[in-house]
PDB file of N, CA and C in Angstrom:
ATOM      1  N   MET A   1     -68.589 -33.273   0.228  1.00  0.00           N
ATOM      2  CA  MET A   1     -68.175 -34.570   0.826  1.00  0.00           C
ATOM      3  C   MET A   1     -67.405 -34.766   2.038  1.00  0.00           C
ATOM      4  N   THR A   2     -67.698 -35.576   2.891  1.00  0.00           N
ATOM      5  CA  THR A   2     -66.895 -35.718   4.204  1.00  0.00           C
ATOM      6  C   THR A   2     -66.184 -36.907   4.667  1.00  0.00           C
ATOM      7  N   PHE A   3     -65.276 -36.965   5.273  1.00  0.00           N
ATOM      8  CA  PHE A   3     -64.160 -38.174   5.547  1.00  0.00           C
ATOM      9  C   PHE A   3     -64.072 -38.471   6.731  1.00  0.00           C
ATOM     10  N   VAL A   4     -64.300 -39.613   7.293  1.00  0.00           N
ATOM     11  CA  VAL A   4     -64.087 -40.421   8.758  1.00  0.00           C
ATOM     12  C   VAL A   4     -62.563 -40.465   9.007  1.00  0.00           C
ATOM     13  N   ILE A   5     -61.944 -39.870  10.030  1.00  0.00           N
ATOM     14  CA  ILE A   5     -60.851 -39.482  10.069  1.00  0.00           C
ATOM     15  C   ILE A   5     -60.569 -40.132  11.450  1.00  0.00           C
ATOM     16  N   GLY A   6     -58.827 -40.095  11.452  1.00  0.00           N
ATOM     17  CA  GLY A   6     -58.551 -40.611  12.694  1.00  0.00           C
ATOM     18  C   GLY A   6     -58.159 -39.687  13.937  1.00  0.00           C
ATOM     19  N   PRO A   7     -57.968 -39.857  14.924  1.00  0.00           N
ATOM     20  CA  PRO A   7     -57.643 -38.815  16.028  1.00  0.00           C
ATOM     21  C   PRO A   7     -56.782 -38.013  15.895  1.00  0.00           C
ATOM     22  N   LEU A   8     -55.589 -38.097  15.228  1.00  0.00           N
ATOM     23  CA  LEU A   8     -54.694 -37.321  14.945  1.00  0.00           C
ATOM     24  C   LEU A   8     -55.069 -36.010  13.996  1.00  0.00           C
ATOM     25  N   MET A   9     -56.102 -36.712  12.982  1.00  0.00           N
ATOM     26  CA  MET A   9     -56.487 -35.414  12.114  1.00  0.00           C
ATOM     27  C   MET A   9     -57.551 -34.712  12.866  1.00  0.00           C
ATOM     28  N   LEU A  10     -58.324 -35.386  13.702  1.00  0.00           N
ATOM     29  CA  LEU A  10     -59.054 -34.697  14.716  1.00  0.00           C
ATOM     30  C   LEU A  10     -58.201 -33.396  15.547  1.00  0.00           C
ATOM     31  N   ASP A  11     -57.361 -33.994  15.923  1.00  0.00           N
ATOM     32  CA  ASP A  11     -56.433 -32.851  16.719  1.00  0.00           C
ATOM     33  C   ASP A  11     -56.314 -31.762  15.772  1.00  0.00           C
ATOM     34  N   MET A  12     -55.717 -32.206  14.608  1.00  0.00           N
ATOM     35  CA  MET A  12     -55.100 -31.013  13.625  1.00  0.00           C
ATOM     36  C   MET A  12     -56.597 -30.187  13.528  1.00  0.00           C
ATOM     37  N   CYS A  13     -57.595 -30.557  13.112  1.00  0.00           N
ATOM     38  CA  CYS A  13     -58.381 -29.858  12.746  1.00  0.00           C
ATOM     39  C   CYS A  13     -59.080 -28.943  13.877  1.00  0.00           C
ATOM     40  N   VAL A  14     -58.954 -29.202  14.970  1.00  0.00           N
ATOM     41  CA  VAL A  14     -59.383 -28.576  16.556  1.00  0.00           C
ATOM     42  C   VAL A  14     -58.212 -27.332  16.459  1.00  0.00           C
ATOM     43  N   LEU A  15     -56.990 -27.806  16.300  1.00  0.00           N
ATOM     44  CA  LEU A  15     -56.051 -26.568  16.715  1.00  0.00           C
ATOM     45  C   LEU A  15     -55.571 -25.760  15.523  1.00  0.00           C
ATOM     46  N   SER A  16     -56.289 -26.107  14.408  1.00  0.00           N
ATOM     47  CA  SER A  16     -56.416 -25.238  13.268  1.00  0.00           C
ATOM     48  C   SER A  16     -57.451 -24.144  13.335  1.00  0.00           C
ATOM     49  N   ILE A  17     -58.795 -24.611  13.687  1.00  0.00           N
ATOM     50  CA  ILE A  17     -59.931 -23.598  14.255  1.00  0.00           C
ATOM     51  C   ILE A  17     -59.448 -22.750  15.006  1.00  0.00           C
ATOM     52  N   LEU A  18     -58.852 -23.104  16.183  1.00  0.00           N
ATOM     53  CA  LEU A  18     -58.446 -22.748  17.373  1.00  0.00           C
ATOM     54  C   LEU A  18     -57.501 -21.413  17.199  1.00  0.00           C
ATOM     55  N   SER A  19     -56.618 -21.943  16.240  1.00  0.00           N
ATOM     56  CA  SER A  19     -55.675 -20.959  16.059  1.00  0.00           C
ATOM     57  C   SER A  19     -55.994 -19.986  15.272  1.00  0.00           C
ATOM     58  N   LYS A  20     -57.159 -19.596  14.739  1.00  0.00           N
ATOM     59  CA  LYS A  20     -57.956 -18.465  13.952  1.00  0.00           C
ATOM     60  C   LYS A  20     -58.726 -17.928  14.923  1.00  0.00           C
ATOM     61  N   GLU A  21     -59.467 -18.502  15.805  1.00  0.00           N
ATOM     62  CA  GLU A  21     -60.420 -17.728  16.986  1.00  0.00           C
ATOM     63  C   GLU A  21     -60.678 -18.574  18.162  1.00  0.00           C
ATOM     64  N   ASP A  22     -60.909 -18.094  19.183  1.00  0.00           N
ATOM     65  CA  ASP A  22     -61.451 -19.159  20.041  1.00  0.00           C
ATOM     66  C   ASP A  22     -63.026 -19.618  19.907  1.00  0.00           C
ATOM     67  N   ALA A  23     -63.396 -20.773  20.333  1.00  0.00           N
ATOM     68  CA  ALA A  23     -64.742 -21.028  20.109  1.00  0.00           C
ATOM     69  C   ALA A  23     -65.119 -22.309  21.120  1.00  0.00           C
ATOM     70  N   TYR A  24     -66.307 -22.027  21.310  1.00  0.00           N
ATOM     71  CA  TYR A  24     -67.061 -23.314  22.499  1.00  0.00           C
ATOM     72  C   TYR A  24     -67.631 -24.633  21.618  1.00  0.00           C
ATOM     73  N   GLY A  25     -67.796 -25.616  22.282  1.00  0.00           N
ATOM     74  CA  GLY A  25     -67.503 -26.930  21.953  1.00  0.00           C
ATOM     75  C   GLY A  25     -68.534 -26.976  20.592  1.00  0.00           C
ATOM     76  N   TYR A  26     -69.841 -26.832  20.929  1.00  0.00           N
ATOM     77  CA  TYR A  26     -70.892 -27.007  19.890  1.00  0.00           C
ATOM     78  C   TYR A  26     -70.369 -26.102  18.654  1.00  0.00           C
ATOM     79  N   SER A  27     -69.743 -24.949  18.438  1.00  0.00           N
ATOM     80  CA  SER A  27     -69.272 -24.307  17.264  1.00  0.00           C
ATOM     81  C   SER A  27     -68.332 -25.222  16.638  1.00  0.00           C
ATOM     82  N   LEU A  28     -67.362 -25.621  17.662  1.00  0.00           N
ATOM     83  CA  LEU A  28     -66.313 -26.028  17.040  1.00  0.00           C
ATOM     84  C   LEU A  28     -66.746 -27.649  16.198  1.00  0.00           C
ATOM     85  N   THR A  29     -67.915 -28.277  16.637  1.00  0.00           N
ATOM     86  CA  THR A  29     -68.422 -29.325  16.181  1.00  0.00           C
ATOM     87  C   THR A  29     -69.058 -29.022  15.061  1.00  0.00           C
ATOM     88  N   GLN A  30     -69.546 -27.925  14.683  1.00  0.00           N
ATOM     89  CA  GLN A  30     -70.308 -27.378  13.534  1.00  0.00           C
ATOM     90  C   GLN A  30     -69.367 -27.207  12.246  1.00  0.00           C
ATOM     91  N   ASN A  31     -68.326 -26.696  12.873  1.00  0.00           N
ATOM     92  CA  ASN A  31     -66.962 -26.167  11.876  1.00  0.00           C
ATOM     93  C   ASN A  31     -66.455 -27.380  11.171  1.00  0.00           C
ATOM     94  N   ILE A  32     -66.198 -28.256  12.508  1.00  0.00           N
ATOM     95  CA  ILE A  32     -65.538 -29.783  12.036  1.00  0.00           C
ATOM     96  C   ILE A  32     -66.106 -30.425  10.843  1.00  0.00           C
ATOM     97  N   LYS A  33     -67.632 -30.388  11.287  1.00  0.00           N
ATOM     98  CA  LYS A  33     -68.611 -31.220  10.498  1.00  0.00           C
ATOM     99  C   LYS A  33     -68.538 -30.803   8.952  1.00  0.00           C
ATOM    100  N   GLU A  34     -68.493 -29.556   8.438  1.00  0.00           N
ATOM    101  CA  GLU A  34     -68.407 -29.289   7.313  1.00  0.00           C
ATOM    102  C   GLU A  34     -67.064 -30.172   6.700  1.00  0.00           C
ATOM    103  N   ILE A  35     -66.232 -30.587   7.369  1.00  0.00           N
ATOM    104  CA  ILE A  35     -65.229 -31.384   6.600  1.00  0.00           C
ATOM    105  C   ILE A  35     -65.006 -32.706   6.734  1.00  0.00           C
ATOM    106  N   ILE A  36     -65.414 -33.226   8.021  1.00  0.00           N
ATOM    107  CA  ILE A  36     -65.400 -34.453   8.607  1.00  0.00           C
ATOM    108  C   ILE A  36     -66.624 -34.932   9.420  1.00  0.00           C
ATOM    109  N   ASN A  37     -67.121 -36.018   9.303  1.00  0.00           N
ATOM    110  CA  ASN A  37     -68.227 -36.633  10.182  1.00  0.00           C
ATOM    111  C   ASN A  37     -67.580 -36.549  11.786  1.00  0.00           C
ATOM    112  N   VAL A  38     -68.049 -35.719  12.493  1.00  0.00           N
ATOM    113  CA  VAL A  38     -67.564 -35.832  14.013  1.00  0.00           C
ATOM    114  C   VAL A  38     -69.039 -35.577  14.987  1.00  0.00           C
ATOM    115  N   SER A  39     -69.046 -35.972  16.083  1.00  0.00           N
ATOM    116  CA  SER A  39     -70.175 -35.816  16.773  1.00  0.00           C
ATOM    117  C   SER A  39     -69.651 -35.180  18.307  1.00  0.00           C
ATOM    118  N   GLU A  40     -70.545 -34.241  18.774  1.00  0.00           N
ATOM    119  CA  GLU A  40     -69.599 -33.693  20.315  1.00  0.00           C
ATOM    120  C   GLU A  40     -69.376 -34.857  21.033  1.00  0.00           C
ATOM    121  N   THR A  41     -69.729 -35.972  21.054  1.00  0.00           N
ATOM    122  CA  THR A  41     -69.572 -36.769  22.152  1.00  0.00           C
ATOM    123  C   THR A  41     -68.247 -37.633  21.474  1.00  0.00           C
ATOM    124  N   THR A  42     -67.710 -37.388  20.478  1.00  0.00           N
ATOM    125  CA  THR A  42     -66.481 -37.528  20.052  1.00  0.00           C
ATOM    126  C   THR A  42     -65.492 -36.359  20.192  1.00  0.00           C
ATOM    127  N   LEU A  43     -66.038 -35.369  19.923  1.00  0.00           N
ATOM    128  CA  LEU A  43     -65.226 -34.292  20.206  1.00  0.00           C
ATOM    129  C   LEU A  43     -64.520 -33.953  21.591  1.00  0.00           C
ATOM    130  N   TYR A  44     -65.640 -34.044  22.496  1.00  0.00           N
ATOM    131  CA  TYR A  44     -65.298 -33.411  23.928  1.00  0.00           C
ATOM    132  C   TYR A  44     -63.804 -34.384  24.731  1.00  0.00           C
ATOM    133  N   PRO A  45     -63.823 -35.607  24.353  1.00  0.00           N
ATOM    134  CA  PRO A  45     -62.601 -36.409  24.716  1.00  0.00           C
ATOM    135  C   PRO A  45     -61.436 -35.912  24.326  1.00  0.00           C
ATOM    136  N   VAL A  46     -61.676 -35.603  22.928  1.00  0.00           N
ATOM    137  CA  VAL A  46     -60.643 -34.670  22.331  1.00  0.00           C
ATOM    138  C   VAL A  46     -60.117 -33.561  22.621  1.00  0.00           C
ATOM    139  N   LEU A  47     -61.081 -32.471  23.311  1.00  0.00           N
ATOM    140  CA  LEU A  47     -60.713 -31.290  23.761  1.00  0.00           C
ATOM    141  C   LEU A  47     -60.059 -31.517  25.211  1.00  0.00           C
ATOM    142  N   ARG A  48     -60.532 -32.512  25.878  1.00  0.00           N
ATOM    143  CA  ARG A  48     -59.808 -32.656  27.137  1.00  0.00           C
ATOM    144  C   ARG A  48     -58.603 -33.219  26.957  1.00  0.00           C
ATOM    145  N   ARG A  49     -58.128 -34.017  26.339  1.00  0.00           N
ATOM    146  CA  ARG A  49     -57.013 -34.603  26.095  1.00  0.00           C
ATOM    147  C   ARG A  49     -56.105 -33.689  25.567  1.00  0.00           C
ATOM    148  N   LEU A  50     -56.248 -32.425  24.484  1.00  0.00           N
ATOM    149  CA  LEU A  50     -55.544 -31.553  24.080  1.00  0.00           C
ATOM    150  C   LEU A  50     -55.513 -30.470  25.540  1.00  0.00           C
ATOM    151  N   GLN A  51     -56.290 -30.294  26.260  1.00  0.00           N
ATOM    152  CA  GLN A  51     -56.061 -29.611  27.428  1.00  0.00           C
ATOM    153  C   GLN A  51     -55.156 -30.209  28.370  1.00  0.00           C
ATOM    154  N   LYS A  52     -55.273 -31.521  28.529  1.00  0.00           N
ATOM    155  CA  LYS A  52     -54.035 -32.269  29.401  1.00  0.00           C
ATOM    156  C   LYS A  52     -52.693 -32.283  28.706  1.00  0.00           C
ATOM    157  N   ASP A  53     -52.816 -32.191  27.496  1.00  0.00           N
ATOM    158  CA  ASP A  53     -51.239 -31.937  27.078  1.00  0.00           C
ATOM    159  C   ASP A  53     -50.840 -30.555  26.856  1.00  0.00           C
ATOM    160  N   GLU A  54     -51.704 -29.585  27.049  1.00  0.00           N
ATOM    161  CA  GLU A  54     -51.722 -28.450  27.491  1.00  0.00           C
ATOM    162  C   GLU A  54     -51.435 -27.512  25.946  1.00  0.00           C
ATOM    163  N   TYR A  55     -52.240 -28.141  25.292  1.00  0.00           N
ATOM    164  CA  TYR A  55     -51.934 -27.619  23.620  1.00  0.00           C
ATOM    165  C   TYR A  55     -53.566 -26.347  23.785  1.00  0.00           C
ATOM    166  N   LEU A  56     -54.268 -26.441  24.798  1.00  0.00           N
ATOM    167  CA  LEU A  56     -55.280 -25.371  24.760  1.00  0.00           C
ATOM    168  C   LEU A  56     -55.561 -25.224  26.338  1.00  0.00           C
ATOM    169  N   ILE A  57     -56.675 -24.199  26.368  1.00  0.00           N
ATOM    170  CA  ILE A  57     -57.096 -24.133  27.696  1.00  0.00           C
ATOM    171  C   ILE A  57     -58.691 -23.614  27.464  1.00  0.00           C
ATOM    172  N   ALA A  58     -59.364 -23.913  28.716  1.00  0.00           N
ATOM    173  CA  ALA A  58     -60.763 -23.739  28.577  1.00  0.00           C
ATOM    174  C   ALA A  58     -61.300 -22.299  29.516  1.00  0.00           C
ATOM    175  N   TYR A  59     -61.861 -21.564  29.115  1.00  0.00           N
ATOM    176  CA  TYR A  59     -62.733 -20.756  30.004  1.00  0.00           C
ATOM    177  C   TYR A  59     -64.009 -20.578  29.853  1.00  0.00           C
ATOM    178  N   ASN A  60     -65.052 -20.179  30.771  1.00  0.00           N
ATOM    179  CA  ASN A  60     -66.349 -20.066  30.572  1.00  0.00           C
ATOM    180  C   ASN A  60     -66.531 -18.464  30.370  1.00  0.00           C
ATOM    181  N   GLU A  61     -67.798 -18.210  29.729  1.00  0.00           N
ATOM    182  CA  GLU A  61     -68.154 -16.986  29.366  1.00  0.00           C
ATOM    183  C   GLU A  61     -69.565 -16.756  29.390  1.00  0.00           C
ATOM    184  N   ALA A  62     -70.136 -15.896  29.974  1.00  0.00           N
ATOM    185  CA  ALA A  62     -71.677 -15.861  30.207  1.00  0.00           C
ATOM    186  C   ALA A  62     -72.217 -15.769  28.839  1.00  0.00           C
ATOM    187  N   PHE A  63     -73.393 -16.591  28.574  1.00  0.00           N
ATOM    188  CA  PHE A  63     -74.004 -16.108  27.266  1.00  0.00           C
ATOM    189  C   PHE A  63     -75.576 -16.804  27.485  1.00  0.00           C
ATOM    190  N   GLY A  64     -76.390 -15.950  27.232  1.00  0.00           N
ATOM    191  CA  GLY A  64     -77.883 -16.355  27.666  1.00  0.00           C
ATOM    192  C   GLY A  64     -78.093 -16.559  29.083  1.00  0.00           C
ATOM    193  N   GLY A  65     -77.681 -15.990  30.003  1.00  0.00           N
ATOM    194  CA  GLY A  65     -77.819 -16.541  31.305  1.00  0.00           C
ATOM    195  C   GLY A  65     -77.101 -17.662  31.622  1.00  0.00           C
ATOM    196  N   ARG A  66     -76.317 -18.324  30.665  1.00  0.00           N
ATOM    197  CA  ARG A  66     -75.763 -19.441  31.167  1.00  0.00           C
ATOM    198  C   ARG A  66     -74.211 -19.503  30.637  1.00  0.00           C
ATOM    199  N   ASN A  67     -73.371 -20.367  31.352  1.00  0.00           N
ATOM    200  CA  ASN A  67     -72.070 -20.205  31.062  1.00  0.00           C
ATOM    201  C   ASN A  67     -72.042 -21.090  29.395  1.00  0.00           C
ATOM    202  N   ARG A  68     -71.247 -20.881  28.794  1.00  0.00           N
ATOM    203  CA  ARG A  68     -70.600 -21.471  27.598  1.00  0.00           C
ATOM    204  C   ARG A  68     -69.104 -21.791  27.763  1.00  0.00           C
ATOM    205  N   ARG A  69     -68.660 -22.908  27.625  1.00  0.00           N
ATOM    206  CA  ARG A  69     -66.931 -23.335  28.078  1.00  0.00           C
ATOM    207  C   ARG A  69     -66.579 -22.865  26.422  1.00  0.00           C
ATOM    208  N   TYR A  70     -65.605 -22.116  26.347  1.00  0.00           N
ATOM    209  CA  TYR A  70     -64.632 -21.527  25.243  1.00  0.00           C
ATOM    210  C   TYR A  70     -63.291 -22.282  25.340  1.00  0.00           C
ATOM    211  N   TYR A  71     -62.833 -22.657  24.163  1.00  0.00           N
ATOM    212  CA  TYR A  71     -61.194 -23.003  24.085  1.00  0.00           C
ATOM    213  C   TYR A  71     -60.124 -22.307  23.496  1.00  0.00           C
ATOM    214  N   GLN A  72     -59.201 -22.230  23.898  1.00  0.00           N
ATOM    215  CA  GLN A  72     -58.363 -21.407  23.343  1.00  0.00           C
ATOM    216  C   GLN A  72     -56.758 -21.964  22.981  1.00  0.00           C
ATOM    217  N   ILE A  73     -56.328 -21.914  22.268  1.00  0.00           N
ATOM    218  CA  ILE A  73     -54.908 -22.509  21.924  1.00  0.00           C
ATOM    219  C   ILE A  73     -54.114 -21.756  22.783  1.00  0.00           C
ATOM    220  N   THR A  74     -52.996 -22.639  22.870  1.00  0.00           N
ATOM    221  CA  THR A  74     -51.811 -21.984  23.803  1.00  0.00           C
ATOM    222  C   THR A  74     -50.751 -22.066  22.992  1.00  0.00           C
ATOM    223  N   GLU A  75     -49.544 -21.526  23.393  1.00  0.00           N
ATOM    224  CA  GLU A  75     -48.260 -21.254  22.449  1.00  0.00           C
ATOM    225  C   GLU A  75     -47.996 -22.655  22.191  1.00  0.00           C
ATOM    226  N   LEU A  76     -48.195 -23.534  23.312  1.00  0.00           N
ATOM    227  CA  LEU A  76     -47.427 -24.938  22.828  1.00  0.00           C
ATOM    228  C   LEU A  76     -48.586 -25.350  21.752  1.00  0.00           C
ATOM    229  N   GLY A  77     -49.735 -25.160  22.095  1.00  0.00           N
ATOM    230  CA  GLY A  77     -50.685 -25.728  20.817  1.00  0.00           C
ATOM    231  C   GLY A  77     -50.323 -25.115  19.398  1.00  0.00           C
ATOM    232  N   LYS A  78     -49.685 -23.904  19.657  1.00  0.00           N
ATOM    233  CA  LYS A  78     -49.682 -23.294  18.348  1.00  0.00           C
ATOM    234  C   LYS A  78     -48.346 -24.006  17.634  1.00  0.00           C
ATOM    235  N   LYS A  79     -47.578 -24.058  18.425  1.00  0.00           N
ATOM    236  CA  LYS A  79     -46.080 -24.819  17.964  1.00  0.00           C
ATOM    237  C   LYS A  79     -46.441 -26.155  17.408  1.00  0.00           C
ATOM    238  N   ARG A  80     -47.357 -27.075  18.194  1.00  0.00           N
ATOM    239  CA  ARG A  80     -47.900 -28.175  17.760  1.00  0.00           C
ATOM    240  C   ARG A  80     -48.637 -27.931  16.544  1.00  0.00           C
ATOM    241  N   MET A  81     -49.223 -26.943  16.436  1.00  0.00           N
ATOM    242  CA  MET A  81     -50.128 -26.842  14.822  1.00  0.00           C
ATOM    243  C   MET A  81     -49.055 -26.497  13.820  1.00  0.00           C
ATOM    244  N   GLU A  82     -47.961 -25.943  13.743  1.00  0.00           N
ATOM    245  CA  GLU A  82     -46.982 -25.634  12.864  1.00  0.00           C
ATOM    246  C   GLU A  82     -46.090 -26.869  12.354  1.00  0.00           C
ATOM    247  N   GLU A  83     -46.089 -27.800  13.638  1.00  0.00           N
ATOM    248  CA  GLU A  83     -45.494 -29.277  13.621  1.00  0.00           C
ATOM    249  C   GLU A  83     -46.764 -29.892  12.545  1.00  0.00           C
ATOM    250  N   TYR A  84     -47.854 -29.902  12.850  1.00  0.00           N
ATOM    251  CA  TYR A  84     -49.084 -30.588  12.194  1.00  0.00           C
ATOM    252  C   TYR A  84     -48.741 -30.150  10.433  1.00  0.00           C
ATOM    253  N   LYS A  85     -48.807 -28.898  10.294  1.00  0.00           N
ATOM    254  CA  LYS A  85     -48.638 -28.343   9.022  1.00  0.00           C
ATOM    255  C   LYS A  85     -47.809 -28.893   8.065  1.00  0.00           C
ATOM    256  N   LYS A  86     -46.346 -28.956   8.855  1.00  0.00           N
ATOM    257  CA  LYS A  86     -45.288 -29.461   8.392  1.00  0.00           C
ATOM    258  C   LYS A  86     -45.499 -31.012   8.048  1.00  0.00           C
ATOM    259  N   GLU A  87     -46.092 -31.907   8.852  1.00  0.00           N
ATOM    260  CA  GLU A  87     -46.258 -33.140   8.797  1.00  0.00           C
ATOM    261  C   GLU A  87     -47.281 -33.361   7.783  1.00  0.00           C
ATOM    262  N   TRP A  88     -48.370 -32.706   7.665  1.00  0.00           N
ATOM    263  CA  TRP A  88     -49.450 -32.506   6.585  1.00  0.00           C
ATOM    264  C   TRP A  88     -48.929 -32.297   5.059  1.00  0.00           C
ATOM    265  N   ASN A  89     -48.113 -31.255   5.237  1.00  0.00           N
ATOM    266  CA  ASN A  89     -47.802 -31.082   3.799  1.00  0.00           C
ATOM    267  C   ASN A  89     -46.657 -31.890   3.247  1.00  0.00           C
ATOM    268  N   ASP A  90     -45.971 -32.482   4.286  1.00  0.00           N
ATOM    269  CA  ASP A  90     -44.932 -33.731   3.694  1.00  0.00           C
ATOM    270  C   ASP A  90     -45.724 -35.129   3.444  1.00  0.00           C
ATOM    271  N   TYR A  91     -46.769 -35.443   3.862  1.00  0.00           N
ATOM    272  CA  TYR A  91     -47.588 -36.190   3.646  1.00  0.00           C
ATOM    273  C   TYR A  91     -48.954 -36.365   2.295  1.00  0.00           C
ATOM    274  N   LYS A  92     -49.240 -34.686   2.248  1.00  0.00           N
ATOM    275  CA  LYS A  92     -49.782 -34.089   1.261  1.00  0.00           C
ATOM    276  C   LYS A  92     -49.109 -34.662  -0.239  1.00  0.00           C
ATOM    277  N   ALA A  93     -47.720 -33.993  -0.088  1.00  0.00           N
ATOM    278  CA  ALA A  93     -47.054 -34.040  -1.410  1.00  0.00           C
ATOM    279  C   ALA A  93     -46.730 -35.601  -1.925  1.00  0.00           C
ATOM    280  N   LYS A  94     -46.640 -36.467  -0.954  1.00  0.00           N
ATOM    281  CA  LYS A  94     -46.357 -38.114  -1.024  1.00  0.00           C
ATOM    282  C   LYS A  94     -47.607 -38.407  -1.698  1.00  0.00           C
ATOM    283  N   VAL A  95     -48.804 -38.413  -1.251  1.00  0.00           N
ATOM    284  CA  VAL A  95     -50.079 -38.836  -1.644  1.00  0.00           C
ATOM    285  C   VAL A  95     -50.477 -38.304  -3.350  1.00  0.00           C
ATOM    286  N   ASP A  96     -49.830 -36.809  -3.448  1.00  0.00           N
ATOM    287  CA  ASP A  96     -50.105 -35.850  -4.765  1.00  0.00           C
ATOM    288  C   ASP A  96     -49.173 -36.928  -5.730  1.00  0.00           C
ATOM    289  N   GLU A  97     -47.912 -36.989  -5.178  1.00  0.00           N
ATOM    290  CA  GLU A  97     -46.950 -37.765  -5.980  1.00  0.00           C
ATOM    291  C   GLU A  97     -47.493 -38.991  -6.500  1.00  0.00           C
ATOM    292  N   LEU A  98     -48.119 -39.617  -5.788  1.00  0.00           N
ATOM    293  CA  LEU A  98     -48.089 -40.912  -5.727  1.00  0.00           C
ATOM    294  C   LEU A  98     -49.581 -41.248  -6.793  1.00  0.00           C
ATOM    295  N   LEU A  99     -50.746 -40.080  -6.585  1.00  0.00           N
ATOM    296  CA  LEU A  99     -51.497 -40.004  -7.331  1.00  0.00           C
ATOM    297  C   LEU A  99     -51.779 -39.552  -8.775  1.00  0.00           C
ATOM    298  N   VAL A 100     -50.480 -38.714  -8.854  1.00  0.00           N
ATOM    299  CA  VAL A 100     -50.145 -37.908 -10.139  1.00  0.00           C
ATOM    300  C   VAL A 100     -49.215 -39.055 -11.121  1.00  0.00           C
ATOM    301  N   GLY A 101     -48.522 -39.505 -10.149  1.00  0.00           N
ATOM    302  CA  GLY A 101     -47.592 -40.739 -10.685  1.00  0.00           C
ATOM    303  C   GLY A 101     -48.183 -41.827 -11.310  1.00  0.00           C
ATOM    304  N   GLY A 102     -49.060 -42.330 -10.504  1.00  0.00           N
ATOM    305  CA  GLY A 102     -50.085 -43.276 -11.058  1.00  0.00           C
ATOM    306  C   GLY A 102     -50.884 -43.211 -12.167  1.00  0.00           C
ATOM    307  N   ILE A 103     -51.508 -42.171 -12.355  1.00  0.00           N
ATOM    308  CA  ILE A 103     -52.064 -41.402 -13.644  1.00  0.00           C
ATOM    309  C   ILE A 103     -50.956 -41.536 -14.622  1.00  0.00           C
ATOM    310  N   GLN A 104     -49.885 -40.858 -14.425  1.00  0.00           N
ATOM    311  CA  GLN A 104     -48.684 -40.779 -15.453  1.00  0.00           C
ATOM    312  C   GLN A 104     -48.385 -42.211 -15.830  1.00  0.00           C
ATOM    313  N   ASN A 105     -48.136 -43.447 -14.939  1.00  0.00           N
ATOM    314  CA  ASN A 105     -47.940 -44.530 -15.361  1.00  0.00           C
ATOM    315  C   ASN A 105     -48.782 -45.416 -16.289  1.00  0.00           C
ATOM    316  N   GLU A 106     -50.157 -45.176 -15.899  1.00  0.00           N
ATOM    317  CA  GLU A 106     -51.401 -45.754 -16.517  1.00  0.00           C
ATOM    318  C   GLU A 106     -51.427 -44.959 -18.208  1.00  0.00           C
ATOM    319  N   GLN A 107     -51.238 -43.922 -18.522  1.00  0.00           N
ATOM    320  CA  GLN A 107     -51.115 -43.476 -19.613  1.00  0.00           C
ATOM    321  C   GLN A 107     -50.113 -43.922 -20.475  1.00  0.00           C
ATOM    322  N   ALA A 108     -48.750 -44.211 -19.832  1.00  0.00           N
ATOM    323  CA  ALA A 108     -47.435 -44.654 -20.417  1.00  0.00           C
ATOM    324  C   ALA A 108     -47.566 -45.821 -21.504  1.00  0.00           C
TER     325      ALA A 108
END
């Protein structure tokens, strides 16, 4: 199952992947596509914005006679990711409560 999501969720996904390891654009897109429907043309503006906000940096590395642009999370990006995790857990708990509460109320 894939979900269409907003830009904030996309930021969380990108930072989460990069918090585990550096990645280049195409590999990021493929990892995110496992969860949500996103194209490379959607992802690259997000990467540029996250760079501008200093949540990640980019560097080039040779691969097969060409350069690949890799992205790496910064310390500021790691802090932002921790904030996203807290916000997500709060949001998830409220949705879980609503869904479970809704089911219990229907059975009563």
